C-alpha atoms as a PDB file:
ATOM      1  CA  MET A   1     -47.585  31.297 -10.521  1.00  0.00           C
ATOM      2  CA  LEU A   2     -48.288  27.489 -11.152  1.00  0.00           C
ATOM      3  CA  GLN A   3     -45.973  25.103  -9.379  1.00  0.00           C
ATOM      4  CA  PRO A   4     -45.260  21.820 -11.252  1.00  0.00           C
ATOM      5  CA  GLY A   5     -46.998  18.914  -9.444  1.00  0.00           C
ATOM      6  CA  SER A   6     -49.090  21.293  -7.266  1.00  0.00           C
ATOM      7  CA  ALA A   7     -52.857  22.038  -7.024  1.00  0.00           C
ATOM      8  CA  VAL A   8     -52.140  25.502  -5.669  1.00  0.00           C
ATOM      9  CA  TRP A   9     -52.125  28.469  -8.126  1.00  0.00           C
ATOM     10  CA  LEU A  10     -50.522  31.597  -6.623  1.00  0.00           C
ATOM     11  CA  ASP A  11     -51.619  34.888  -8.062  1.00  0.00           C
ATOM     12  CA  GLY A  12     -49.316  37.700  -6.836  1.00  0.00           C
ATOM     13  CA  GLY A  13     -48.993  36.137  -3.428  1.00  0.00           C
ATOM     14  CA  GLU A  14     -52.763  35.377  -2.987  1.00  0.00           C
ATOM     15  CA  GLY A  15     -53.691  31.737  -3.427  1.00  0.00           C
ATOM     16  CA  PHE A  16     -56.352  30.766  -5.858  1.00  0.00           C
ATOM     17  CA  GLN A  17     -56.725  27.435  -3.903  1.00  0.00           C
ATOM     18  CA  GLN A  18     -55.546  27.309  -0.383  1.00  0.00           C
ATOM     19  CA  PRO A  19     -53.264  24.407   0.237  1.00  0.00           C
ATOM     20  CA  ASP A  20     -55.205  23.282   3.362  1.00  0.00           C
ATOM     21  CA  ARG A  21     -58.622  23.756   1.767  1.00  0.00           C
ATOM     22  CA  PRO A  22     -60.050  20.791  -0.274  1.00  0.00           C
ATOM     23  CA  LEU A  23     -61.112  21.407  -3.933  1.00  0.00           C
ATOM     24  CA  VAL A  24     -64.627  20.321  -2.948  1.00  0.00           C
ATOM     25  CA  SER A  25     -66.664  20.458   0.251  1.00  0.00           C
ATOM     26  CA  ALA A  26     -67.770  17.352   2.089  1.00  0.00           C
ATOM     27  CA  ALA A  27     -71.412  17.912   0.810  1.00  0.00           C
ATOM     28  CA  GLU A  28     -70.108  18.341  -2.871  1.00  0.00           C
ATOM     29  CA  SER A  29     -68.062  15.188  -2.361  1.00  0.00           C
ATOM     30  CA  ARG A  30     -71.112  13.299  -1.202  1.00  0.00           C
ATOM     31  CA  VAL A  31     -73.077  14.492  -4.354  1.00  0.00           C
ATOM     32  CA  PHE A  32     -70.100  13.242  -6.538  1.00  0.00           C
ATOM     33  CA  GLU A  33     -70.187   9.892  -4.785  1.00  0.00           C
ATOM     34  CA  SER A  34     -73.968   9.515  -5.333  1.00  0.00           C
ATOM     35  CA  LEU A  35     -73.422  10.038  -9.102  1.00  0.00           C
ATOM     36  CA  ALA A  36     -70.160   7.879  -9.266  1.00  0.00           C
ATOM     37  CA  HIS A  37     -72.116   5.156 -11.143  1.00  0.00           C
ATOM     38  CA  LEU A  38     -72.778   7.438 -13.969  1.00  0.00           C
ATOM     39  CA  LEU A  39     -69.152   8.670 -14.399  1.00  0.00           C
ATOM     40  CA  ASP A  40     -66.320   7.065 -16.338  1.00  0.00           C
ATOM     41  CA  PRO A  41     -64.119   5.167 -13.855  1.00  0.00           C
ATOM     42  CA  ASN A  42     -60.990   6.397 -15.457  1.00  0.00           C
ATOM     43  CA  PRO A  43     -58.958   8.320 -12.685  1.00  0.00           C
ATOM     44  CA  ARG A  44     -57.674  11.030 -15.013  1.00  0.00           C
ATOM     45  CA  ARG A  45     -61.155  11.752 -16.275  1.00  0.00           C
ATOM     46  CA  LEU A  46     -62.528  11.925 -12.769  1.00  0.00           C
ATOM     47  CA  LYS A  47     -59.747  14.291 -11.698  1.00  0.00           C
ATOM     48  CA  ARG A  48     -60.462  16.388 -14.616  1.00  0.00           C
ATOM     49  CA  ILE A  49     -64.188  16.637 -13.840  1.00  0.00           C
ATOM     50  CA  ILE A  50     -63.589  17.689 -10.166  1.00  0.00           C
ATOM     51  CA  SER A  51     -60.922  20.176 -11.277  1.00  0.00           C
ATOM     52  CA  VAL A  52     -63.119  21.783 -13.756  1.00  0.00           C
ATOM     53  CA  TYR A  53     -66.078  21.822 -11.194  1.00  0.00           C
ATOM     54  CA  ALA A  54     -63.730  23.524  -8.618  1.00  0.00           C
ATOM     55  CA  LEU A  55     -62.561  26.103 -11.131  1.00  0.00           C
ATOM     56  CA  ALA A  56     -66.031  26.898 -12.271  1.00  0.00           C
ATOM     57  CA  THR A  57     -67.271  27.214  -8.604  1.00  0.00           C
ATOM     58  CA  GLU A  58     -64.377  29.535  -7.734  1.00  0.00           C
ATOM     59  CA  VAL A  59     -64.909  31.662 -10.777  1.00  0.00           C
ATOM     60  CA  ALA A  60     -68.658  31.884  -9.884  1.00  0.00           C
ATOM     61  CA  ASN A  61     -67.888  32.789  -6.338  1.00  0.00           C
ATOM     62  CA  ARG A  62     -65.647  35.583  -7.464  1.00  0.00           C
ATOM     63  CA  MET A  63     -68.163  37.095  -9.982  1.00  0.00           C
ATOM     64  CA  PRO A  64     -70.052  40.178  -8.574  1.00  0.00           C
END
């Protein structure tokens, strides 16, 4: 169940994204920072890029 204003998606009690776990790791964050000059500075677009990246990574990790 998706809670309004929350980055946590709960699926039958198991969290898609743990509340205490960041969307990206420190190493991934450094890569994003190194490429920041190529990205649009609009905060909404940056958040969308990181969210889509985090979702794609989570899906890839769950694939057999």
